[in-house]
N, C-alpha and C. Protein backbone atom coordinates (compact mmCIF):
# COMPACT_ATOMS: atom_id res chain seq x y z
N MET A 1 109.28 75.82 95.74
CA MET A 1 110.60 76.22 95.23
C MET A 1 110.90 75.45 93.94
N MET A 2 111.72 76.03 93.09
CA MET A 2 112.08 75.40 91.83
C MET A 2 113.05 74.25 92.03
N SER A 3 112.81 73.16 91.31
CA SER A 3 113.78 72.06 91.29
C SER A 3 114.95 72.47 90.41
N LEU A 4 116.05 71.73 90.48
CA LEU A 4 117.20 72.03 89.63
C LEU A 4 116.83 71.95 88.16
N GLY A 5 116.02 70.96 87.81
CA GLY A 5 115.59 70.83 86.42
C GLY A 5 114.79 72.04 85.96
N GLN A 6 113.92 72.55 86.81
CA GLN A 6 113.12 73.73 86.47
C GLN A 6 114.01 74.97 86.33
N GLN A 7 115.01 75.07 87.19
CA GLN A 7 115.95 76.19 87.08
C GLN A 7 116.71 76.15 85.76
N GLN A 8 117.20 74.97 85.39
CA GLN A 8 117.96 74.82 84.15
C GLN A 8 117.08 75.13 82.93
N LYS A 9 115.83 74.70 82.97
CA LYS A 9 114.92 74.97 81.87
C LYS A 9 114.66 76.47 81.75
N LEU A 10 114.46 77.14 82.88
CA LEU A 10 114.21 78.58 82.86
C LEU A 10 115.43 79.34 82.34
N VAL A 11 116.61 78.94 82.74
CA VAL A 11 117.83 79.59 82.26
C VAL A 11 117.92 79.50 80.75
N GLN A 12 117.63 78.34 80.20
CA GLN A 12 117.69 78.19 78.75
C GLN A 12 116.65 79.05 78.06
N GLU A 13 115.48 79.16 78.65
CA GLU A 13 114.44 80.05 78.09
C GLU A 13 114.91 81.50 78.12
N LEU A 14 115.50 81.91 79.23
CA LEU A 14 115.99 83.29 79.35
C LEU A 14 117.12 83.57 78.37
N ARG A 15 118.00 82.60 78.17
CA ARG A 15 119.11 82.79 77.23
C ARG A 15 118.60 82.90 75.79
N ARG A 16 117.57 82.11 75.46
CA ARG A 16 117.00 82.22 74.12
C ARG A 16 116.36 83.58 73.91
N GLU A 17 115.72 84.10 74.95
CA GLU A 17 115.01 85.37 74.82
C GLU A 17 115.93 86.58 74.96
N PHE A 18 116.91 86.49 75.87
CA PHE A 18 117.70 87.68 76.20
C PHE A 18 119.18 87.57 75.83
N GLY A 19 119.67 86.38 75.46
CA GLY A 19 121.04 86.26 75.00
C GLY A 19 122.03 85.82 76.07
N PRO A 20 123.33 85.84 75.72
CA PRO A 20 124.38 85.30 76.60
C PRO A 20 124.66 86.13 77.84
N GLY A 21 123.99 87.27 77.99
CA GLY A 21 124.13 88.02 79.23
C GLY A 21 123.55 87.26 80.41
N ILE A 22 122.77 86.23 80.13
CA ILE A 22 122.26 85.31 81.15
C ILE A 22 123.22 84.13 81.22
N LEU A 23 123.79 83.88 82.38
CA LEU A 23 124.73 82.76 82.53
C LEU A 23 123.98 81.45 82.78
N GLU A 24 124.64 80.35 82.45
CA GLU A 24 124.01 79.03 82.59
C GLU A 24 124.15 78.45 83.99
N ASN A 25 124.82 79.14 84.88
CA ASN A 25 125.11 78.60 86.20
C ASN A 25 123.86 78.29 87.01
N THR A 26 123.78 77.07 87.47
CA THR A 26 122.76 76.60 88.40
C THR A 26 123.46 75.66 89.38
N PRO A 27 122.89 75.40 90.53
CA PRO A 27 121.61 75.91 91.02
C PRO A 27 121.69 77.37 91.43
N PHE A 28 120.53 78.01 91.50
CA PHE A 28 120.47 79.37 92.00
C PHE A 28 120.70 79.35 93.51
N PRO A 29 121.19 80.47 94.07
CA PRO A 29 121.29 80.54 95.54
C PRO A 29 119.93 80.36 96.19
N GLU A 30 119.92 79.67 97.31
CA GLU A 30 118.67 79.47 98.05
C GLU A 30 118.32 80.74 98.84
N PRO A 31 117.03 80.99 99.05
CA PRO A 31 116.68 82.08 99.97
C PRO A 31 117.19 81.73 101.36
N TYR A 32 117.52 82.76 102.14
CA TYR A 32 117.98 82.51 103.50
C TYR A 32 116.85 82.80 104.48
N CYS A 33 116.57 81.83 105.31
CA CYS A 33 115.52 82.00 106.32
C CYS A 33 115.84 81.08 107.49
N ALA A 34 116.15 81.68 108.63
CA ALA A 34 116.50 80.88 109.80
C ALA A 34 115.30 80.09 110.33
N ASP A 35 114.11 80.73 110.30
CA ASP A 35 112.91 80.10 110.84
C ASP A 35 111.71 80.86 110.28
N LYS A 36 110.90 80.24 109.43
CA LYS A 36 109.78 80.93 108.80
C LYS A 36 108.80 81.50 109.82
N SER A 37 108.66 80.86 110.95
CA SER A 37 107.72 81.34 111.95
C SER A 37 108.19 82.63 112.61
N ARG A 38 109.46 82.98 112.42
CA ARG A 38 110.01 84.19 113.05
C ARG A 38 110.25 85.31 112.04
N VAL A 39 109.83 85.12 110.79
CA VAL A 39 110.06 86.13 109.76
C VAL A 39 109.24 87.39 110.05
N LYS A 40 109.93 88.52 110.08
CA LYS A 40 109.31 89.80 110.39
C LYS A 40 109.34 90.76 109.19
N ALA A 41 110.15 90.46 108.19
CA ALA A 41 110.22 91.27 106.98
C ALA A 41 110.92 90.45 105.90
N ILE A 42 110.72 90.85 104.66
CA ILE A 42 111.44 90.23 103.54
C ILE A 42 112.53 91.19 103.11
N TYR A 43 113.76 90.71 103.04
CA TYR A 43 114.87 91.55 102.57
C TYR A 43 115.17 91.13 101.13
N LEU A 44 114.97 92.06 100.18
CA LEU A 44 115.04 91.72 98.76
C LEU A 44 116.27 92.31 98.09
N GLY A 45 117.04 91.43 97.43
CA GLY A 45 118.18 91.85 96.62
C GLY A 45 117.82 91.82 95.14
N CYS A 46 118.76 92.23 94.30
CA CYS A 46 118.52 92.30 92.86
C CYS A 46 118.75 90.96 92.18
N ASP A 47 119.96 90.41 92.33
CA ASP A 47 120.33 89.13 91.72
C ASP A 47 121.64 88.68 92.35
N PRO A 48 122.07 87.44 92.11
CA PRO A 48 123.28 86.94 92.77
C PRO A 48 124.59 87.26 92.05
N SER A 49 124.53 87.99 90.95
CA SER A 49 125.73 88.22 90.14
C SER A 49 126.80 88.99 90.91
N ASN A 50 128.04 88.54 90.79
CA ASN A 50 129.17 89.20 91.44
C ASN A 50 130.45 88.77 90.73
N LYS A 51 131.55 89.44 91.01
CA LYS A 51 132.81 89.16 90.30
C LYS A 51 133.67 88.12 91.00
N TYR A 52 133.16 87.53 92.08
CA TYR A 52 133.98 86.59 92.84
C TYR A 52 133.62 85.13 92.58
N CYS A 53 132.36 84.81 92.49
CA CYS A 53 131.97 83.41 92.35
C CYS A 53 130.58 83.31 91.76
N ARG A 54 130.24 82.12 91.27
CA ARG A 54 128.93 81.87 90.67
C ARG A 54 128.30 80.59 91.23
N ASP A 55 128.61 80.34 92.48
CA ASP A 55 128.07 79.13 93.11
C ASP A 55 127.69 79.39 94.56
N LEU A 56 127.03 80.53 94.79
CA LEU A 56 126.60 80.86 96.15
C LEU A 56 125.56 79.86 96.63
N GLU A 57 125.69 79.45 97.88
CA GLU A 57 124.71 78.53 98.45
C GLU A 57 123.42 79.26 98.81
N TYR A 58 123.56 80.45 99.41
CA TYR A 58 122.42 81.26 99.80
C TYR A 58 122.57 82.68 99.26
N VAL A 59 121.46 83.39 99.13
CA VAL A 59 121.53 84.79 98.70
C VAL A 59 122.35 85.58 99.71
N PHE A 60 123.07 86.59 99.22
CA PHE A 60 123.95 87.42 100.04
C PHE A 60 125.01 86.60 100.76
N ALA A 61 125.29 85.40 100.26
CA ALA A 61 126.30 84.53 100.86
C ALA A 61 126.01 84.23 102.33
N LEU A 62 124.76 84.14 102.66
CA LEU A 62 124.35 83.74 104.01
C LEU A 62 124.13 82.24 104.03
N PRO A 63 124.26 81.54 105.13
CA PRO A 63 124.78 82.00 106.42
C PRO A 63 126.29 81.89 106.45
N LYS A 64 126.88 81.65 107.64
CA LYS A 64 128.33 81.53 107.76
C LYS A 64 128.83 80.36 106.92
N GLY A 65 130.06 80.49 106.46
CA GLY A 65 130.64 79.41 105.68
C GLY A 65 130.73 79.71 104.20
N ASN A 66 130.10 80.79 103.75
CA ASN A 66 130.19 81.21 102.36
C ASN A 66 131.44 82.06 102.16
N PRO A 67 131.73 82.48 100.92
CA PRO A 67 132.98 83.18 100.64
C PRO A 67 133.22 84.39 101.55
N PRO A 68 134.45 84.55 102.05
CA PRO A 68 134.75 85.62 103.01
C PRO A 68 134.61 87.02 102.43
N MET A 69 134.71 87.18 101.10
CA MET A 69 134.60 88.52 100.52
C MET A 69 133.23 89.15 100.71
N PHE A 70 132.24 88.36 101.14
CA PHE A 70 130.90 88.89 101.35
C PHE A 70 130.64 89.28 102.81
N ARG A 71 131.58 89.01 103.69
CA ARG A 71 131.32 89.21 105.11
C ARG A 71 131.06 90.66 105.48
N ARG A 72 131.80 91.57 104.87
CA ARG A 72 131.60 92.99 105.18
C ARG A 72 130.21 93.44 104.73
N MET A 73 129.80 93.04 103.53
CA MET A 73 128.48 93.41 103.05
C MET A 73 127.39 92.88 103.98
N VAL A 74 127.50 91.62 104.36
CA VAL A 74 126.51 91.01 105.25
C VAL A 74 126.47 91.73 106.59
N SER A 75 127.65 92.12 107.09
CA SER A 75 127.73 92.82 108.36
C SER A 75 127.08 94.19 108.28
N LEU A 76 127.35 94.93 107.19
CA LEU A 76 126.79 96.28 107.05
C LEU A 76 125.27 96.24 106.91
N ILE A 77 124.77 95.28 106.13
CA ILE A 77 123.32 95.14 106.01
C ILE A 77 122.72 94.79 107.37
N GLY A 78 123.39 93.89 108.08
CA GLY A 78 122.91 93.49 109.40
C GLY A 78 122.82 94.66 110.37
N GLU A 79 123.79 95.59 110.28
CA GLU A 79 123.75 96.77 111.15
C GLU A 79 122.53 97.64 110.82
N ASN A 80 122.23 97.81 109.53
CA ASN A 80 121.06 98.58 109.15
C ASN A 80 119.77 97.91 109.63
N LEU A 81 119.71 96.59 109.52
CA LEU A 81 118.55 95.87 110.02
C LEU A 81 118.35 96.10 111.51
N ARG A 82 119.43 96.05 112.25
CA ARG A 82 119.33 96.24 113.70
C ARG A 82 118.82 97.64 114.07
N ARG A 83 119.13 98.61 113.23
CA ARG A 83 118.71 99.99 113.53
C ARG A 83 117.20 100.18 113.45
N VAL A 84 116.50 99.24 112.82
CA VAL A 84 115.03 99.32 112.79
C VAL A 84 114.40 98.17 113.56
N GLY A 85 115.21 97.46 114.36
CA GLY A 85 114.67 96.41 115.22
C GLY A 85 114.59 95.05 114.58
N LEU A 86 115.35 94.82 113.50
CA LEU A 86 115.36 93.52 112.83
C LEU A 86 116.75 92.91 112.90
N ARG A 87 116.83 91.63 112.54
CA ARG A 87 118.11 90.92 112.44
C ARG A 87 118.04 89.98 111.25
N TRP A 88 119.20 89.46 110.84
CA TRP A 88 119.20 88.49 109.74
C TRP A 88 118.31 87.29 110.05
N ASP A 89 118.26 86.89 111.30
CA ASP A 89 117.47 85.70 111.61
C ASP A 89 115.98 86.00 111.76
N SER A 90 115.58 87.26 111.51
CA SER A 90 114.15 87.58 111.55
C SER A 90 113.65 88.09 110.21
N VAL A 91 114.45 87.86 109.14
CA VAL A 91 114.01 88.23 107.79
C VAL A 91 114.09 87.03 106.86
N TYR A 92 113.36 87.12 105.78
CA TYR A 92 113.43 86.15 104.69
C TYR A 92 114.19 86.86 103.59
N ALA A 93 115.41 86.41 103.28
CA ALA A 93 116.26 87.07 102.29
C ALA A 93 116.16 86.34 100.95
N GLN A 94 115.84 87.10 99.92
CA GLN A 94 115.69 86.53 98.58
C GLN A 94 116.08 87.59 97.54
N ASN A 95 116.43 87.15 96.34
CA ASN A 95 116.66 88.04 95.21
C ASN A 95 115.42 88.09 94.33
N LEU A 96 115.21 89.22 93.66
CA LEU A 96 114.14 89.27 92.67
C LEU A 96 114.50 88.37 91.49
N CYS A 97 115.63 88.65 90.83
CA CYS A 97 116.13 87.76 89.77
C CYS A 97 117.07 86.75 90.41
N ARG A 98 116.77 85.48 90.28
CA ARG A 98 117.58 84.46 90.96
C ARG A 98 118.70 83.92 90.09
N ASN A 99 118.62 84.16 88.79
CA ASN A 99 119.67 83.68 87.88
C ASN A 99 120.90 84.58 87.94
N TYR A 100 122.04 84.03 87.50
CA TYR A 100 123.28 84.79 87.41
C TYR A 100 123.36 85.52 86.06
N PHE A 101 123.84 86.76 86.11
CA PHE A 101 124.11 87.54 84.90
C PHE A 101 125.61 87.64 84.68
N ALA A 102 126.01 87.93 83.45
CA ALA A 102 127.43 88.09 83.14
C ALA A 102 128.01 89.34 83.80
N LEU A 103 127.16 90.33 84.03
CA LEU A 103 127.59 91.58 84.64
C LEU A 103 126.80 91.84 85.92
N GLU A 104 127.40 92.59 86.83
CA GLU A 104 126.70 92.97 88.05
C GLU A 104 125.58 93.96 87.72
N THR A 105 124.62 94.06 88.60
CA THR A 105 123.39 94.82 88.32
C THR A 105 123.65 96.24 87.85
N ALA A 106 124.52 96.97 88.53
CA ALA A 106 124.74 98.38 88.21
C ALA A 106 125.27 98.58 86.79
N LYS A 107 125.93 97.55 86.24
CA LYS A 107 126.49 97.64 84.89
C LYS A 107 125.60 96.94 83.86
N ASN A 108 124.40 96.60 84.30
CA ASN A 108 123.56 95.71 83.50
C ASN A 108 122.08 96.05 83.63
N VAL A 109 121.78 97.32 83.89
CA VAL A 109 120.42 97.70 84.29
C VAL A 109 119.37 97.41 83.21
N HIS A 110 119.69 97.69 81.95
CA HIS A 110 118.69 97.49 80.89
C HIS A 110 118.28 96.03 80.79
N LEU A 111 119.26 95.12 80.73
CA LEU A 111 118.95 93.69 80.65
C LEU A 111 118.28 93.23 81.93
N TRP A 112 118.80 93.69 83.06
CA TRP A 112 118.24 93.27 84.34
C TRP A 112 116.76 93.61 84.43
N LYS A 113 116.38 94.81 84.04
CA LYS A 113 114.97 95.22 84.12
C LYS A 113 114.09 94.36 83.22
N ALA A 114 114.61 94.00 82.05
CA ALA A 114 113.83 93.16 81.13
C ALA A 114 113.59 91.78 81.75
N VAL A 115 114.64 91.20 82.33
CA VAL A 115 114.53 89.86 82.92
C VAL A 115 113.68 89.90 84.20
N ALA A 116 113.76 91.00 84.93
CA ALA A 116 113.00 91.13 86.18
C ALA A 116 111.51 90.94 85.94
N GLY A 117 111.04 91.36 84.79
CA GLY A 117 109.62 91.20 84.47
C GLY A 117 109.18 89.74 84.49
N ARG A 118 110.10 88.83 84.18
CA ARG A 118 109.78 87.40 84.22
C ARG A 118 109.73 86.87 85.66
N TRP A 119 110.49 87.50 86.54
CA TRP A 119 110.62 86.99 87.90
C TRP A 119 109.58 87.56 88.87
N ILE A 120 109.02 88.71 88.57
CA ILE A 120 108.11 89.36 89.51
C ILE A 120 106.93 88.46 89.91
N PRO A 121 106.20 87.85 88.95
CA PRO A 121 105.08 86.99 89.37
C PRO A 121 105.54 85.76 90.15
N ILE A 122 106.73 85.26 89.85
CA ILE A 122 107.26 84.10 90.59
C ILE A 122 107.53 84.49 92.03
N LEU A 123 108.14 85.66 92.22
CA LEU A 123 108.41 86.12 93.58
C LEU A 123 107.11 86.41 94.32
N ARG A 124 106.14 87.03 93.65
CA ARG A 124 104.87 87.34 94.30
C ARG A 124 104.21 86.07 94.82
N ASP A 125 104.24 85.01 94.02
CA ASP A 125 103.66 83.74 94.46
C ASP A 125 104.44 83.17 95.65
N GLU A 126 105.76 83.25 95.58
CA GLU A 126 106.59 82.71 96.66
C GLU A 126 106.32 83.41 97.99
N LEU A 127 106.16 84.72 97.93
CA LEU A 127 105.95 85.48 99.17
C LEU A 127 104.55 85.29 99.73
N GLY A 128 103.69 84.61 98.99
CA GLY A 128 102.36 84.31 99.49
C GLY A 128 102.37 83.44 100.73
N GLN A 129 103.51 82.84 101.05
CA GLN A 129 103.61 82.02 102.26
C GLN A 129 103.62 82.88 103.53
N PHE A 130 103.78 84.20 103.36
CA PHE A 130 103.82 85.11 104.50
C PHE A 130 102.60 86.01 104.52
N LYS A 131 102.22 86.48 105.68
CA LYS A 131 101.08 87.38 105.82
C LYS A 131 101.27 88.61 104.94
N SER A 132 100.16 89.14 104.46
CA SER A 132 100.22 90.24 103.49
C SER A 132 100.78 91.54 104.08
N ASP A 133 100.79 91.66 105.42
CA ASP A 133 101.32 92.89 106.02
C ASP A 133 102.82 92.81 106.29
N ILE A 134 103.45 91.67 106.00
CA ILE A 134 104.90 91.56 106.14
C ILE A 134 105.52 92.38 105.02
N PRO A 135 106.30 93.41 105.33
CA PRO A 135 106.81 94.31 104.30
C PRO A 135 108.04 93.76 103.60
N VAL A 136 108.32 94.33 102.43
CA VAL A 136 109.51 93.99 101.65
C VAL A 136 110.49 95.15 101.73
N LEU A 137 111.68 94.89 102.23
CA LEU A 137 112.74 95.89 102.29
C LEU A 137 113.53 95.83 100.99
N LEU A 138 113.57 96.93 100.25
CA LEU A 138 114.21 96.98 98.94
C LEU A 138 115.66 97.43 99.09
N SER A 139 116.60 96.59 98.67
CA SER A 139 118.01 96.90 98.86
C SER A 139 118.57 97.88 97.83
N ALA A 140 117.82 98.16 96.75
CA ALA A 140 118.32 99.05 95.70
C ALA A 140 117.16 99.77 95.03
N GLU A 141 117.46 100.97 94.52
CA GLU A 141 116.42 101.77 93.87
C GLU A 141 115.87 101.09 92.62
N VAL A 142 116.71 100.31 91.92
CA VAL A 142 116.25 99.66 90.70
C VAL A 142 115.10 98.69 91.00
N LEU A 143 115.07 98.12 92.18
CA LEU A 143 113.96 97.25 92.57
C LEU A 143 112.67 98.06 92.67
N TYR A 144 112.74 99.21 93.28
CA TYR A 144 111.58 100.09 93.38
C TYR A 144 111.07 100.46 91.99
N SER A 145 111.99 100.77 91.08
CA SER A 145 111.59 101.24 89.75
C SER A 145 110.86 100.16 88.96
N VAL A 146 111.22 98.88 89.13
CA VAL A 146 110.54 97.83 88.37
C VAL A 146 109.29 97.32 89.06
N LEU A 147 109.21 97.48 90.37
CA LEU A 147 108.06 96.96 91.10
C LEU A 147 106.90 97.94 91.17
N LEU A 148 107.18 99.23 91.03
CA LEU A 148 106.13 100.23 91.10
C LEU A 148 105.22 100.11 89.88
N LYS A 149 103.92 100.14 90.10
CA LYS A 149 102.98 100.09 88.98
C LYS A 149 103.09 101.36 88.16
N SER A 150 102.84 101.25 86.86
CA SER A 150 103.05 102.37 85.95
C SER A 150 102.16 103.56 86.26
N ARG A 151 101.00 103.31 86.85
CA ARG A 151 100.08 104.42 87.14
C ARG A 151 100.47 105.16 88.42
N SER A 152 101.41 104.62 89.18
CA SER A 152 101.81 105.23 90.45
C SER A 152 102.89 106.28 90.23
N GLN A 153 102.93 107.28 91.08
CA GLN A 153 103.89 108.36 90.98
C GLN A 153 105.22 107.94 91.60
N PRO A 154 106.31 107.84 90.81
CA PRO A 154 107.59 107.45 91.39
C PRO A 154 108.18 108.55 92.27
N ARG A 155 108.90 108.14 93.30
CA ARG A 155 109.56 109.07 94.21
C ARG A 155 111.05 108.79 94.24
N THR A 156 111.83 109.81 94.48
CA THR A 156 113.29 109.66 94.51
C THR A 156 113.73 109.11 95.87
N PRO A 157 114.91 108.52 95.95
CA PRO A 157 115.42 108.08 97.25
C PRO A 157 115.46 109.21 98.27
N LYS A 158 115.89 110.39 97.83
CA LYS A 158 116.00 111.53 98.76
C LYS A 158 114.62 111.91 99.31
N GLU A 159 113.58 111.82 98.48
CA GLU A 159 112.23 112.12 98.97
C GLU A 159 111.82 111.15 100.08
N PHE A 160 112.11 109.87 99.87
CA PHE A 160 111.78 108.88 100.90
C PHE A 160 112.57 109.14 102.17
N TYR A 161 113.88 109.21 102.04
CA TYR A 161 114.74 109.28 103.22
C TYR A 161 114.62 110.61 103.96
N SER A 162 114.15 111.64 103.28
CA SER A 162 113.92 112.93 103.93
C SER A 162 112.51 113.02 104.50
N CYS A 163 111.74 111.93 104.37
CA CYS A 163 110.35 111.89 104.83
C CYS A 163 109.54 113.02 104.23
N SER A 164 109.74 113.24 102.94
CA SER A 164 109.02 114.30 102.25
C SER A 164 107.54 113.98 102.15
N GLN A 165 106.73 115.01 102.22
CA GLN A 165 105.29 114.82 102.06
C GLN A 165 105.03 114.29 100.65
N GLY A 166 104.19 113.29 100.54
CA GLY A 166 103.90 112.70 99.24
C GLY A 166 104.76 111.48 98.92
N ALA A 167 105.68 111.13 99.82
CA ALA A 167 106.50 109.92 99.65
C ALA A 167 106.25 109.00 100.84
N PRO A 168 105.09 108.35 100.86
CA PRO A 168 104.69 107.58 102.05
C PRO A 168 105.55 106.34 102.27
N ILE A 169 105.75 106.04 103.53
CA ILE A 169 106.41 104.82 103.96
C ILE A 169 105.42 104.03 104.80
N PRO A 170 105.10 102.81 104.40
CA PRO A 170 105.62 102.10 103.23
C PRO A 170 104.93 102.52 101.94
N VAL A 171 105.52 102.12 100.81
CA VAL A 171 104.82 102.25 99.53
C VAL A 171 103.63 101.29 99.60
N PRO A 172 102.42 101.79 99.39
CA PRO A 172 101.22 100.94 99.58
C PRO A 172 101.20 99.71 98.67
N ALA A 173 100.60 98.66 99.17
CA ALA A 173 100.52 97.40 98.43
C ALA A 173 99.84 97.56 97.08
N ASP A 174 98.84 98.43 96.99
CA ASP A 174 98.11 98.56 95.73
C ASP A 174 98.85 99.40 94.69
N GLU A 175 100.03 99.90 95.06
CA GLU A 175 100.83 100.68 94.11
C GLU A 175 102.01 99.89 93.54
N ASN A 176 102.15 98.63 93.95
CA ASN A 176 103.29 97.86 93.47
C ASN A 176 102.88 96.44 93.07
N GLN A 177 103.74 95.80 92.30
CA GLN A 177 103.42 94.51 91.69
C GLN A 177 103.56 93.32 92.63
N LEU A 178 104.11 93.53 93.82
CA LEU A 178 104.17 92.44 94.79
C LEU A 178 102.95 92.42 95.69
N SER A 179 102.13 93.46 95.60
CA SER A 179 100.89 93.55 96.38
C SER A 179 101.12 93.41 97.88
N ARG A 180 102.19 94.02 98.35
CA ARG A 180 102.46 94.09 99.78
C ARG A 180 103.28 95.35 100.06
N PRO A 181 103.36 95.81 101.30
CA PRO A 181 104.08 97.05 101.60
C PRO A 181 105.56 96.96 101.18
N LEU A 182 106.04 98.03 100.57
CA LEU A 182 107.45 98.12 100.17
C LEU A 182 108.13 99.24 100.95
N ILE A 183 109.37 98.98 101.39
CA ILE A 183 110.13 99.98 102.14
C ILE A 183 111.51 100.13 101.51
N PRO A 184 111.85 101.30 100.96
CA PRO A 184 113.22 101.52 100.49
C PRO A 184 114.19 101.32 101.66
N PHE A 185 115.19 100.49 101.44
CA PHE A 185 116.16 100.14 102.48
C PHE A 185 117.50 99.95 101.77
N TYR A 186 117.92 101.02 101.09
CA TYR A 186 118.99 100.92 100.10
C TYR A 186 120.36 100.65 100.71
N ARG A 187 121.14 99.81 100.02
CA ARG A 187 122.48 99.43 100.49
C ARG A 187 123.51 100.53 100.24
N HIS A 188 123.24 101.45 99.34
CA HIS A 188 124.21 102.49 99.01
C HIS A 188 124.66 103.22 100.28
N TRP A 189 125.97 103.49 100.36
CA TRP A 189 126.53 104.09 101.59
C TRP A 189 125.84 105.39 101.98
N TYR A 190 125.36 106.15 100.98
CA TYR A 190 124.74 107.44 101.29
C TYR A 190 123.46 107.27 102.10
N TYR A 191 122.82 106.10 101.98
CA TYR A 191 121.57 105.86 102.68
C TYR A 191 121.74 104.94 103.89
N ASP A 192 122.97 104.88 104.40
CA ASP A 192 123.22 104.13 105.62
C ASP A 192 122.42 104.77 106.76
N LEU A 193 121.65 103.99 107.47
CA LEU A 193 120.75 104.53 108.49
C LEU A 193 121.47 105.01 109.75
N LYS A 194 122.79 104.85 109.82
CA LYS A 194 123.50 105.42 110.96
C LYS A 194 123.67 106.93 110.81
N ARG A 195 123.47 107.45 109.60
CA ARG A 195 123.62 108.88 109.37
C ARG A 195 122.52 109.66 110.09
N GLN A 196 122.91 110.73 110.75
CA GLN A 196 121.97 111.50 111.55
C GLN A 196 120.84 112.10 110.73
N GLU A 197 121.13 112.46 109.47
CA GLU A 197 120.08 113.08 108.67
C GLU A 197 118.93 112.14 108.35
N TRP A 198 119.14 110.82 108.57
CA TRP A 198 118.08 109.85 108.28
C TRP A 198 117.40 109.35 109.56
N ARG A 199 117.59 110.03 110.67
CA ARG A 199 117.01 109.54 111.93
C ARG A 199 115.49 109.50 111.88
N ARG A 200 114.87 110.48 111.20
CA ARG A 200 113.41 110.46 111.07
C ARG A 200 112.96 109.29 110.20
N TYR A 201 113.73 109.02 109.17
CA TYR A 201 113.38 107.89 108.30
C TYR A 201 113.53 106.57 109.05
N ARG A 202 114.60 106.47 109.82
CA ARG A 202 114.82 105.27 110.62
C ARG A 202 113.63 105.00 111.53
N ALA A 203 113.14 106.04 112.17
CA ALA A 203 111.98 105.90 113.05
C ALA A 203 110.72 105.58 112.25
N ALA A 204 110.60 106.19 111.07
CA ALA A 204 109.41 105.95 110.24
C ALA A 204 109.34 104.50 109.79
N VAL A 205 110.49 103.93 109.43
CA VAL A 205 110.52 102.51 109.02
C VAL A 205 110.10 101.62 110.17
N ALA A 206 110.68 101.86 111.34
CA ALA A 206 110.33 101.05 112.51
C ALA A 206 108.85 101.18 112.85
N ASP A 207 108.33 102.38 112.73
CA ASP A 207 106.93 102.62 113.10
C ASP A 207 105.93 101.99 112.13
N CYS A 208 106.33 101.84 110.86
CA CYS A 208 105.36 101.31 109.89
C CYS A 208 105.39 99.80 109.79
N LEU A 209 106.31 99.15 110.50
CA LEU A 209 106.33 97.70 110.53
C LEU A 209 105.14 97.18 111.32
N PRO A 210 104.61 96.03 110.96
CA PRO A 210 103.52 95.45 111.76
C PRO A 210 103.94 95.29 113.22
N GLU A 211 103.00 95.32 114.10
CA GLU A 211 103.29 95.27 115.53
C GLU A 211 104.20 94.12 115.90
N VAL A 212 104.02 92.97 115.24
CA VAL A 212 104.81 91.79 115.60
C VAL A 212 106.26 91.92 115.21
N THR A 213 106.62 92.90 114.36
CA THR A 213 108.00 93.01 113.92
C THR A 213 108.84 93.90 114.80
N ARG A 214 108.26 94.57 115.75
CA ARG A 214 109.05 95.49 116.57
C ARG A 214 109.88 94.74 117.56
N GLY A 215 111.11 95.23 117.73
CA GLY A 215 112.04 94.55 118.60
C GLY A 215 112.65 93.36 117.90
N SER A 216 113.46 92.59 118.60
CA SER A 216 114.10 91.41 118.02
C SER A 216 114.50 90.46 119.14
């Protein structure tokens, strides 16, 4: 993991390269992991930027004790995890970009994608602590778009969630830059796994997890 000094140095490098859209706030939020020996999947966010605070202790404001405005988000994500047999205490939660941006991801996609290129190899190395069959759950489509290799055929969220032929779950390791299985697991309300139209997708996600990840 990066020391505070390494984080501060990287922030200054990013600001020189990309400008003031990169905030100077450090330390970055820590990844959340209750117990590495119990990790069954990696839950990946975009970055810690938000309009409420710039001093999160952990990504997604986990665990308890972080700002209350994040509790609903954490609860909703937790419900989706449970629908495929996972829980917060059985995932390793991390952001792709760990630095804070001046704007939230949806309002900052061009800059975010440029900076993400610097973080991808760092994340790939970090995830090397887990077995290669441990999948990465992608919380947003923008993560899929930057992680997919250029030679691979991109698929829409609707193709994945409708279990369309040609949109395999998981996205194979050799088609993405993290070199491990990727599973779209989008936070957007339309892709909430409680919806009946996604019941096949819900089952497909559970079925493609390694044997050790089933149940909780």
